Structures are given as structure tokens and as C-alpha cells.
């Protein structure tokens, strides 16, 4: 009628080893967003739009996020050693 939980999988699930990641993934995403926001700010200012100020603020926020996730990754790596 339903899953009774009696069957077991043939092999246990494998989990990725977090210690081998050279750079936290969220830091990489934040860095990409930062670079794209800087490029968008430059294009906006070249076209004479003050909307570039919003892009500069987004670049600042994402660069801080990148810095935070890099520092957190280094701290986690230092603890696991």
C-alpha cells in the first residue's frame, strides 16, 4: 500500500567532500554579480543615465557578500584542519 521503509538502497548515498572546494560557491556567484553590476554601471553612466548609481550600490553590496563568504570559507577550512 505504501512505502514501509523496509527496503534499503543498494549503496549508501555519497556526499561531496566540502574540504576540497577551492572557493565557496556563493563567493564566486557574488563576484560575478559584482563584475556585472560594475559593467552595467559603466554603461549607464556612459549613456548619461543616473541609474548607474543603483548599479554601483549593487556592486558594493555584492563585493561585501563575496568578501564575507571568502572569509567564512577560510575560517571553516581552518577549523577542519
PDB file of N, CA and C in Angstrom:
ATOM      1  N   UNK A   1       0.801  -1.192   0.000  1.00  0.00           N
ATOM      2  CA  UNK A   1       0.000   0.000   0.000  1.00  0.00           C
ATOM      3  C   UNK A   1       0.843   1.254   0.000  1.00  0.00           C
ATOM      4  N   UNK A   2       1.917   1.214   0.633  1.00  0.00           N
ATOM      5  CA  UNK A   2       2.785   2.386   0.685  1.00  0.00           C
ATOM      6  C   UNK A   2       4.201   1.952   0.992  1.00  0.00           C
ATOM      7  N   UNK A   3       5.040   2.903   1.144  1.00  0.00           N
ATOM      8  CA  UNK A   3       6.428   2.616   1.455  1.00  0.00           C
ATOM      9  C   UNK A   3       6.539   2.295   2.939  1.00  0.00           C
ATOM     10  N   UNK A   4       6.937   1.072   3.234  1.00  0.00           N
ATOM     11  CA  UNK A   4       7.078   0.677   4.631  1.00  0.00           C
ATOM     12  C   UNK A   4       8.476   0.946   5.163  1.00  0.00           C
ATOM     13  N   UNK A   5       9.372   1.316   4.286  1.00  0.00           N
ATOM     14  CA  UNK A   5      10.724   1.622   4.717  1.00  0.00           C
ATOM     15  C   UNK A   5      11.583   0.407   4.937  1.00  0.00           C
ATOM     16  N   UNK A   6      11.158  -0.756   4.486  1.00  0.00           N
ATOM     17  CA  UNK A   6      11.921  -1.974   4.711  1.00  0.00           C
ATOM     18  C   UNK A   6      13.057  -2.139   3.722  1.00  0.00           C
ATOM     19  N   UNK A   7      12.860  -1.658   2.531  1.00  0.00           N
ATOM     20  CA  UNK A   7      13.932  -1.795   1.529  1.00  0.00           C
ATOM     21  C   UNK A   7      15.010  -0.759   1.765  1.00  0.00           C
ATOM     22  N   UNK A   8      16.211  -1.191   1.592  1.00  0.00           N
ATOM     23  CA  UNK A   8      17.341  -0.278   1.735  1.00  0.00           C
ATOM     24  C   UNK A   8      17.994  -0.095   0.377  1.00  0.00           C
ATOM     25  N   UNK A   9      18.555   1.062   0.148  1.00  0.00           N
ATOM     26  CA  UNK A   9      19.249   1.252  -1.126  1.00  0.00           C
ATOM     27  C   UNK A   9      20.468   0.345  -1.211  1.00  0.00           C
ATOM     28  N   UNK A  10      20.843  -0.014  -2.417  1.00  0.00           N
ATOM     29  CA  UNK A  10      21.967  -0.942  -2.595  1.00  0.00           C
ATOM     30  C   UNK A  10      23.293  -0.339  -2.152  1.00  0.00           C
ATOM     31  N   UNK A  11      23.452   0.938  -2.366  1.00  0.00           N
ATOM     32  CA  UNK A  11      24.690   1.577  -1.918  1.00  0.00           C
ATOM     33  C   UNK A  11      24.305   2.831  -1.133  1.00  0.00           C
ATOM     34  N   UNK A  12      25.092   3.167  -0.128  1.00  0.00           N
ATOM     35  CA  UNK A  12      24.762   4.358   0.662  1.00  0.00           C
ATOM     36  C   UNK A  12      24.963   5.618  -0.181  1.00  0.00           C
ATOM     37  N   UNK A  13      24.217   6.654   0.105  1.00  0.00           N
ATOM     38  CA  UNK A  13      24.393   7.889  -0.669  1.00  0.00           C
ATOM     39  C   UNK A  13      25.766   8.494  -0.403  1.00  0.00           C
ATOM     40  N   UNK A  14      26.336   9.073  -1.405  1.00  0.00           N
ATOM     41  CA  UNK A  14      27.639   9.714  -1.253  1.00  0.00           C
ATOM     42  C   UNK A  14      27.435  11.212  -1.142  1.00  0.00           C
ATOM     43  N   UNK A  15      28.209  11.815  -0.294  1.00  0.00           N
ATOM     44  CA  UNK A  15      28.127  13.249  -0.073  1.00  0.00           C
ATOM     45  C   UNK A  15      29.428  13.880  -0.549  1.00  0.00           C
ATOM     46  N   UNK A  16      29.347  15.041  -1.174  1.00  0.00           N
ATOM     47  CA  UNK A  16      30.581  15.662  -1.661  1.00  0.00           C
ATOM     48  C   UNK A  16      31.470  16.086  -0.498  1.00  0.00           C
ATOM     49  N   UNK A  17      32.746  16.006  -0.718  1.00  0.00           N
ATOM     50  CA  UNK A  17      33.717  16.407   0.298  1.00  0.00           C
ATOM     51  C   UNK A  17      33.840  17.922   0.257  1.00  0.00           C
ATOM     52  N   UNK A  18      33.411  18.585   1.319  1.00  0.00           N
ATOM     53  CA  UNK A  18      33.394  20.039   1.329  1.00  0.00           C
ATOM     54  C   UNK A  18      34.787  20.627   1.522  1.00  0.00           C
ATOM     55  N   UNK A  19      35.723  19.821   1.987  1.00  0.00           N
ATOM     56  CA  UNK A  19      37.061  20.353   2.245  1.00  0.00           C
ATOM     57  C   UNK A  19      37.843  20.581   0.971  1.00  0.00           C
ATOM     58  N   UNK A  20      37.449  19.974  -0.132  1.00  0.00           N
ATOM     59  CA  UNK A  20      38.229  20.098  -1.354  1.00  0.00           C
ATOM     60  C   UNK A  20      37.808  21.279  -2.209  1.00  0.00           C
ATOM     61  N   UNK A  21      36.758  21.987  -1.828  1.00  0.00           N
ATOM     62  CA  UNK A  21      36.309  23.121  -2.628  1.00  0.00           C
ATOM     63  C   UNK A  21      37.315  24.259  -2.506  1.00  0.00           C
ATOM     64  N   UNK A  22      37.885  24.721  -3.626  1.00  0.00           N
ATOM     65  CA  UNK A  22      38.893  25.772  -3.538  1.00  0.00           C
ATOM     66  C   UNK A  22      38.300  27.132  -3.189  1.00  0.00           C
ATOM     67  N   UNK A  23      37.051  27.354  -3.533  1.00  0.00           N
ATOM     68  CA  UNK A  23      36.424  28.645  -3.275  1.00  0.00           C
ATOM     69  C   UNK A  23      34.939  28.403  -3.049  1.00  0.00           C
ATOM     70  N   UNK A  24      34.379  28.980  -2.008  1.00  0.00           N
ATOM     71  CA  UNK A  24      32.946  28.773  -1.783  1.00  0.00           C
ATOM     72  C   UNK A  24      32.135  29.241  -2.985  1.00  0.00           C
ATOM     73  N   UNK A  25      31.135  28.485  -3.301  1.00  0.00           N
ATOM     74  CA  UNK A  25      30.344  28.759  -4.500  1.00  0.00           C
ATOM     75  C   UNK A  25      29.603  30.085  -4.404  1.00  0.00           C
ATOM     76  N   UNK A  26      29.102  30.426  -3.233  1.00  0.00           N
ATOM     77  CA  UNK A  26      28.377  31.688  -3.084  1.00  0.00           C
ATOM     78  C   UNK A  26      29.294  32.882  -3.281  1.00  0.00           C
ATOM     79  N   UNK A  27      30.551  32.761  -2.886  1.00  0.00           N
ATOM     80  CA  UNK A  27      31.502  33.846  -3.111  1.00  0.00           C
ATOM     81  C   UNK A  27      31.743  34.036  -4.601  1.00  0.00           C
ATOM     82  N   UNK A  28      31.810  32.959  -5.327  1.00  0.00           N
ATOM     83  CA  UNK A  28      32.007  33.066  -6.766  1.00  0.00           C
ATOM     84  C   UNK A  28      30.809  33.725  -7.436  1.00  0.00           C
ATOM     85  N   UNK A  29      29.606  33.344  -7.028  1.00  0.00           N
ATOM     86  CA  UNK A  29      28.404  33.965  -7.584  1.00  0.00           C
ATOM     87  C   UNK A  29      28.350  35.452  -7.248  1.00  0.00           C
ATOM     88  N   UNK A  30      28.713  35.812  -6.032  1.00  0.00           N
ATOM     89  CA  UNK A  30      28.703  37.219  -5.636  1.00  0.00           C
ATOM     90  C   UNK A  30      29.738  38.013  -6.429  1.00  0.00           C
ATOM     91  N   UNK A  31      30.873  37.404  -6.710  1.00  0.00           N
ATOM     92  CA  UNK A  31      31.896  38.076  -7.510  1.00  0.00           C
ATOM     93  C   UNK A  31      31.406  38.316  -8.941  1.00  0.00           C
ATOM     94  N   UNK A  32      30.719  37.342  -9.504  1.00  0.00           N
ATOM     95  CA  UNK A  32      30.177  37.501 -10.856  1.00  0.00           C
ATOM     96  C   UNK A  32      29.139  38.609 -10.885  1.00  0.00           C
ATOM     97  N   UNK A  33      28.260  38.653  -9.878  1.00  0.00           N
ATOM     98  CA  UNK A  33      27.251  39.713  -9.803  1.00  0.00           C
ATOM     99  C   UNK A  33      27.924  41.073  -9.661  1.00  0.00           C
ATOM    100  N   UNK A  34      28.984  41.134  -8.887  1.00  0.00           N
ATOM    101  CA  UNK A  34      29.710  42.388  -8.702  1.00  0.00           C
ATOM    102  C   UNK A  34      30.300  42.877 -10.025  1.00  0.00           C
ATOM    103  N   UNK A  35      30.930  41.996 -10.749  1.00  0.00           N
ATOM    104  CA  UNK A  35      31.527  42.389 -12.023  1.00  0.00           C
ATOM    105  C   UNK A  35      30.469  42.823 -13.043  1.00  0.00           C
ATOM    106  N   UNK A  36      29.348  42.117 -13.062  1.00  0.00           N
ATOM    107  CA  UNK A  36      28.279  42.508 -13.983  1.00  0.00           C
ATOM    108  C   UNK A  36      27.657  43.840 -13.584  1.00  0.00           C
ATOM    109  N   UNK A  37      27.535  44.091 -12.293  1.00  0.00           N
ATOM    110  CA  UNK A  37      26.978  45.363 -11.833  1.00  0.00           C
ATOM    111  C   UNK A  37      27.914  46.522 -12.166  1.00  0.00           C
ATOM    112  N   UNK A  38      29.212  46.308 -12.048  1.00  0.00           N
ATOM    113  CA  UNK A  38      30.168  47.358 -12.418  1.00  0.00           C
ATOM    114  C   UNK A  38      30.078  47.651 -13.913  1.00  0.00           C
ATOM    115  N   UNK A  39      29.985  46.609 -14.717  1.00  0.00           N
ATOM    116  CA  UNK A  39      29.856  46.815 -16.162  1.00  0.00           C
ATOM    117  C   UNK A  39      28.560  47.555 -16.494  1.00  0.00           C
ATOM    118  N   UNK A  40      27.469  47.209 -15.817  1.00  0.00           N
ATOM    119  CA  UNK A  40      26.197  47.890 -16.055  1.00  0.00           C
ATOM    120  C   UNK A  40      26.265  49.350 -15.610  1.00  0.00           C
ATOM    121  N   UNK A  41      26.974  49.616 -14.519  1.00  0.00           N
ATOM    122  CA  UNK A  41      27.125  50.999 -14.060  1.00  0.00           C
ATOM    123  C   UNK A  41      27.908  51.825 -15.062  1.00  0.00           C
ATOM    124  N   UNK A  42      28.960  51.263 -15.599  1.00  0.00           N
ATOM    125  CA  UNK A  42      29.759  51.985 -16.599  1.00  0.00           C
ATOM    126  C   UNK A  42      28.915  52.291 -17.831  1.00  0.00           C
ATOM    127  N   UNK A  43      28.169  51.321 -18.302  1.00  0.00           N
ATOM    128  CA  UNK A  43      27.323  51.531 -19.480  1.00  0.00           C
ATOM    129  C   UNK A  43      26.265  52.588 -19.188  1.00  0.00           C
ATOM    130  N   UNK A  44      25.669  52.552 -18.010  1.00  0.00           N
ATOM    131  CA  UNK A  44      24.643  53.534 -17.663  1.00  0.00           C
ATOM    132  C   UNK A  44      25.210  54.950 -17.611  1.00  0.00           C
ATOM    133  N   UNK A  45      26.376  55.102 -17.003  1.00  0.00           N
ATOM    134  CA  UNK A  45      26.969  56.432 -16.912  1.00  0.00           C
ATOM    135  C   UNK A  45      27.430  56.936 -18.282  1.00  0.00           C
ATOM    136  N   UNK A  46      27.913  56.049 -19.133  1.00  0.00           N
ATOM    137  CA  UNK A  46      28.334  56.457 -20.472  1.00  0.00           C
ATOM    138  C   UNK A  46      27.128  56.952 -21.277  1.00  0.00           C
ATOM    139  N   UNK A  47      25.986  56.317 -21.070  1.00  0.00           N
ATOM    140  CA  UNK A  47      24.774  56.737 -21.776  1.00  0.00           C
ATOM    141  C   UNK A  47      24.131  57.969 -21.144  1.00  0.00           C
ATOM    142  N   UNK A  48      24.666  58.451 -20.060  1.00  0.00           N
ATOM    143  CA  UNK A  48      24.155  59.655 -19.425  1.00  0.00           C
ATOM    144  C   UNK A  48      23.020  59.417 -18.450  1.00  0.00           C
ATOM    145  N   UNK A  49      22.820  58.192 -18.022  1.00  0.00           N
ATOM    146  CA  UNK A  49      21.739  57.874 -17.094  1.00  0.00           C
ATOM    147  C   UNK A  49      22.281  57.810 -15.673  1.00  0.00           C
ATOM    148  N   UNK A  50      21.504  58.382 -14.755  1.00  0.00           N
ATOM    149  CA  UNK A  50      21.902  58.314 -13.354  1.00  0.00           C
ATOM    150  C   UNK A  50      21.434  57.020 -12.699  1.00  0.00           C
ATOM    151  N   UNK A  51      20.868  56.122 -13.471  1.00  0.00           N
ATOM    152  CA  UNK A  51      20.500  54.805 -12.964  1.00  0.00           C
ATOM    153  C   UNK A  51      21.756  54.008 -12.585  1.00  0.00           C
ATOM    154  N   UNK A  52      22.908  54.442 -13.063  1.00  0.00           N
ATOM    155  CA  UNK A  52      24.161  53.789 -12.723  1.00  0.00           C
ATOM    156  C   UNK A  52      24.467  53.808 -11.240  1.00  0.00           C
ATOM    157  N   UNK A  53      23.879  54.768 -10.517  1.00  0.00           N
ATOM    158  CA  UNK A  53      24.091  54.838  -9.069  1.00  0.00           C
ATOM    159  C   UNK A  53      23.548  53.571  -8.402  1.00  0.00           C
ATOM    160  N   UNK A  54      22.415  53.084  -8.892  1.00  0.00           N
ATOM    161  CA  UNK A  54      21.848  51.849  -8.348  1.00  0.00           C
ATOM    162  C   UNK A  54      22.788  50.680  -8.611  1.00  0.00           C
ATOM    163  N   UNK A  55      23.381  50.644  -9.797  1.00  0.00           N
ATOM    164  CA  UNK A  55      24.317  49.572 -10.131  1.00  0.00           C
ATOM    165  C   UNK A  55      25.572  49.638  -9.263  1.00  0.00           C
ATOM    166  N   UNK A  56      26.027  50.854  -8.960  1.00  0.00           N
ATOM    167  CA  UNK A  56      27.196  50.997  -8.076  1.00  0.00           C
ATOM    168  C   UNK A  56      26.875  50.471  -6.679  1.00  0.00           C
ATOM    169  N   UNK A  57      25.672  50.790  -6.192  1.00  0.00           N
ATOM    170  CA  UNK A  57      25.278  50.275  -4.876  1.00  0.00           C
ATOM    171  C   UNK A  57      25.182  48.755  -4.871  1.00  0.00           C
ATOM    172  N   UNK A  58      24.646  48.185  -5.948  1.00  0.00           N
ATOM    173  CA  UNK A  58      24.562  46.724  -6.045  1.00  0.00           C
ATOM    174  C   UNK A  58      25.963  46.107  -6.115  1.00  0.00           C
ATOM    175  N   UNK A  59      26.881  46.768  -6.809  1.00  0.00           N
ATOM    176  CA  UNK A  59      28.259  46.265  -6.874  1.00  0.00           C
ATOM    177  C   UNK A  59      28.907  46.274  -5.485  1.00  0.00           C
ATOM    178  N   UNK A  60      28.654  47.328  -4.721  1.00  0.00           N
ATOM    179  CA  UNK A  60      29.196  47.397  -3.364  1.00  0.00           C
ATOM    180  C   UNK A  60      28.638  46.308  -2.461  1.00  0.00           C
ATOM    181  N   UNK A  61      27.342  46.078  -2.563  1.00  0.00           N
ATOM    182  CA  UNK A  61      26.717  45.028  -1.758  1.00  0.00           C
ATOM    183  C   UNK A  61      27.259  43.647  -2.121  1.00  0.00           C
ATOM    184  N   UNK A  62      27.353  43.369  -3.404  1.00  0.00           N
ATOM    185  CA  UNK A  62      27.816  42.040  -3.816  1.00  0.00           C
ATOM    186  C   UNK A  62      29.306  41.843  -3.518  1.00  0.00           C
ATOM    187  N   UNK A  63      30.094  42.913  -3.568  1.00  0.00           N
ATOM    188  CA  UNK A  63      31.509  42.747  -3.215  1.00  0.00           C
ATOM    189  C   UNK A  63      31.662  42.445  -1.727  1.00  0.00           C
ATOM    190  N   UNK A  64      30.813  43.063  -0.901  1.00  0.00           N
ATOM    191  CA  UNK A  64      30.842  42.740   0.529  1.00  0.00           C
ATOM    192  C   UNK A  64      30.412  41.307   0.775  1.00  0.00           C
ATOM    193  N   UNK A  65      29.425  40.834   0.026  1.00  0.00           N
ATOM    194  CA  UNK A  65      28.996  39.437   0.166  1.00  0.00           C
ATOM    195  C   UNK A  65      30.121  38.492  -0.248  1.00  0.00           C
ATOM    196  N   UNK A  66      30.812  38.820  -1.323  1.00  0.00           N
ATOM    197  CA  UNK A  66      31.933  37.988  -1.778  1.00  0.00           C
ATOM    198  C   UNK A  66      33.011  37.916  -0.700  1.00  0.00           C
ATOM    199  N   UNK A  67      33.356  39.059  -0.140  1.00  0.00           N
ATOM    200  CA  UNK A  67      34.378  39.114   0.902  1.00  0.00           C
ATOM    201  C   UNK A  67      33.957  38.285   2.121  1.00  0.00           C
ATOM    202  N   UNK A  68      32.686  38.414   2.504  1.00  0.00           N
ATOM    203  CA  UNK A  68      32.180  37.672   3.664  1.00  0.00           C
ATOM    204  C   UNK A  68      32.266  36.163   3.429  1.00  0.00           C
ATOM    205  N   UNK A  69      31.817  35.694   2.268  1.00  0.00           N
ATOM    206  CA  UNK A  69      31.813  34.256   2.019  1.00  0.00           C
ATOM    207  C   UNK A  69      33.237  33.710   1.873  1.00  0.00           C
ATOM    208  N   UNK A  70      34.153  34.503   1.351  1.00  0.00           N
ATOM    209  CA  UNK A  70      35.547  34.051   1.295  1.00  0.00           C
ATOM    210  C   UNK A  70      36.130  33.920   2.698  1.00  0.00           C
ATOM    211  N   UNK A  71      35.877  34.904   3.548  1.00  0.00           N
ATOM    212  CA  UNK A  71      36.381  34.844   4.920  1.00  0.00           C
ATOM    213  C   UNK A  71      35.765  33.678   5.684  1.00  0.00           C
ATOM    214  N   UNK A  72      34.469  33.444   5.475  1.00  0.00           N
ATOM    215  CA  UNK A  72      33.806  32.337   6.160  1.00  0.00           C
ATOM    216  C   UNK A  72      34.363  31.001   5.693  1.00  0.00           C
ATOM    217  N   UNK A  73      34.662  30.900   4.396  1.00  0.00           N
ATOM    218  CA  UNK A  73      35.247  29.667   3.875  1.00  0.00           C
ATOM    219  C   UNK A  73      36.629  29.405   4.451  1.00  0.00           C
ATOM    220  N   UNK A  74      37.423  30.466   4.580  1.00  0.00           N
ATOM    221  CA  UNK A  74      38.748  30.307   5.177  1.00  0.00           C
ATOM    222  C   UNK A  74      38.652  29.912   6.642  1.00  0.00           C
ATOM    223  N   UNK A  75      37.696  30.492   7.351  1.00  0.00           N
ATOM    224  CA  UNK A  75      37.524  30.151   8.768  1.00  0.00           C
ATOM    225  C   UNK A  75      37.079  28.701   8.926  1.00  0.00           C
ATOM    226  N   UNK A  76      36.171  28.237   8.070  1.00  0.00           N
ATOM    227  CA  UNK A  76      35.734  26.845   8.134  1.00  0.00           C
ATOM    228  C   UNK A  76      36.883  25.885   7.812  1.00  0.00           C
ATOM    229  N   UNK A  77      37.699  26.271   6.851  1.00  0.00           N
ATOM    230  CA  UNK A  77      38.836  25.430   6.496  1.00  0.00           C
ATOM    231  C   UNK A  77      39.840  25.356   7.644  1.00  0.00           C
ATOM    232  N   UNK A  78      40.041  26.476   8.335  1.00  0.00           N
ATOM    233  CA  UNK A  78      40.977  26.489   9.464  1.00  0.00           C
ATOM    234  C   UNK A  78      40.462  25.635  10.620  1.00  0.00           C
ATOM    235  N   UNK A  79      39.158  25.586  10.799  1.00  0.00           N
ATOM    236  CA  UNK A  79      38.580  24.793  11.889  1.00  0.00           C
ATOM    237  C   UNK A  79      38.687  23.303  11.583  1.00  0.00           C
ATOM    238  N   UNK A  80      38.500  22.915  10.331  1.00  0.00           N
ATOM    239  CA  UNK A  80      38.516  21.493   9.982  1.00  0.00           C
ATOM    240  C   UNK A  80      39.920  20.916   9.956  1.00  0.00           C
ATOM    241  N   UNK A  81      40.925  21.739   9.932  1.00  0.00           N
ATOM    242  CA  UNK A  81      42.312  21.214   9.894  1.00  0.00           C
ATOM    243  C   UNK A  81      42.778  20.763  11.221  1.00  0.00           C
TER     244      UNK A  81
END
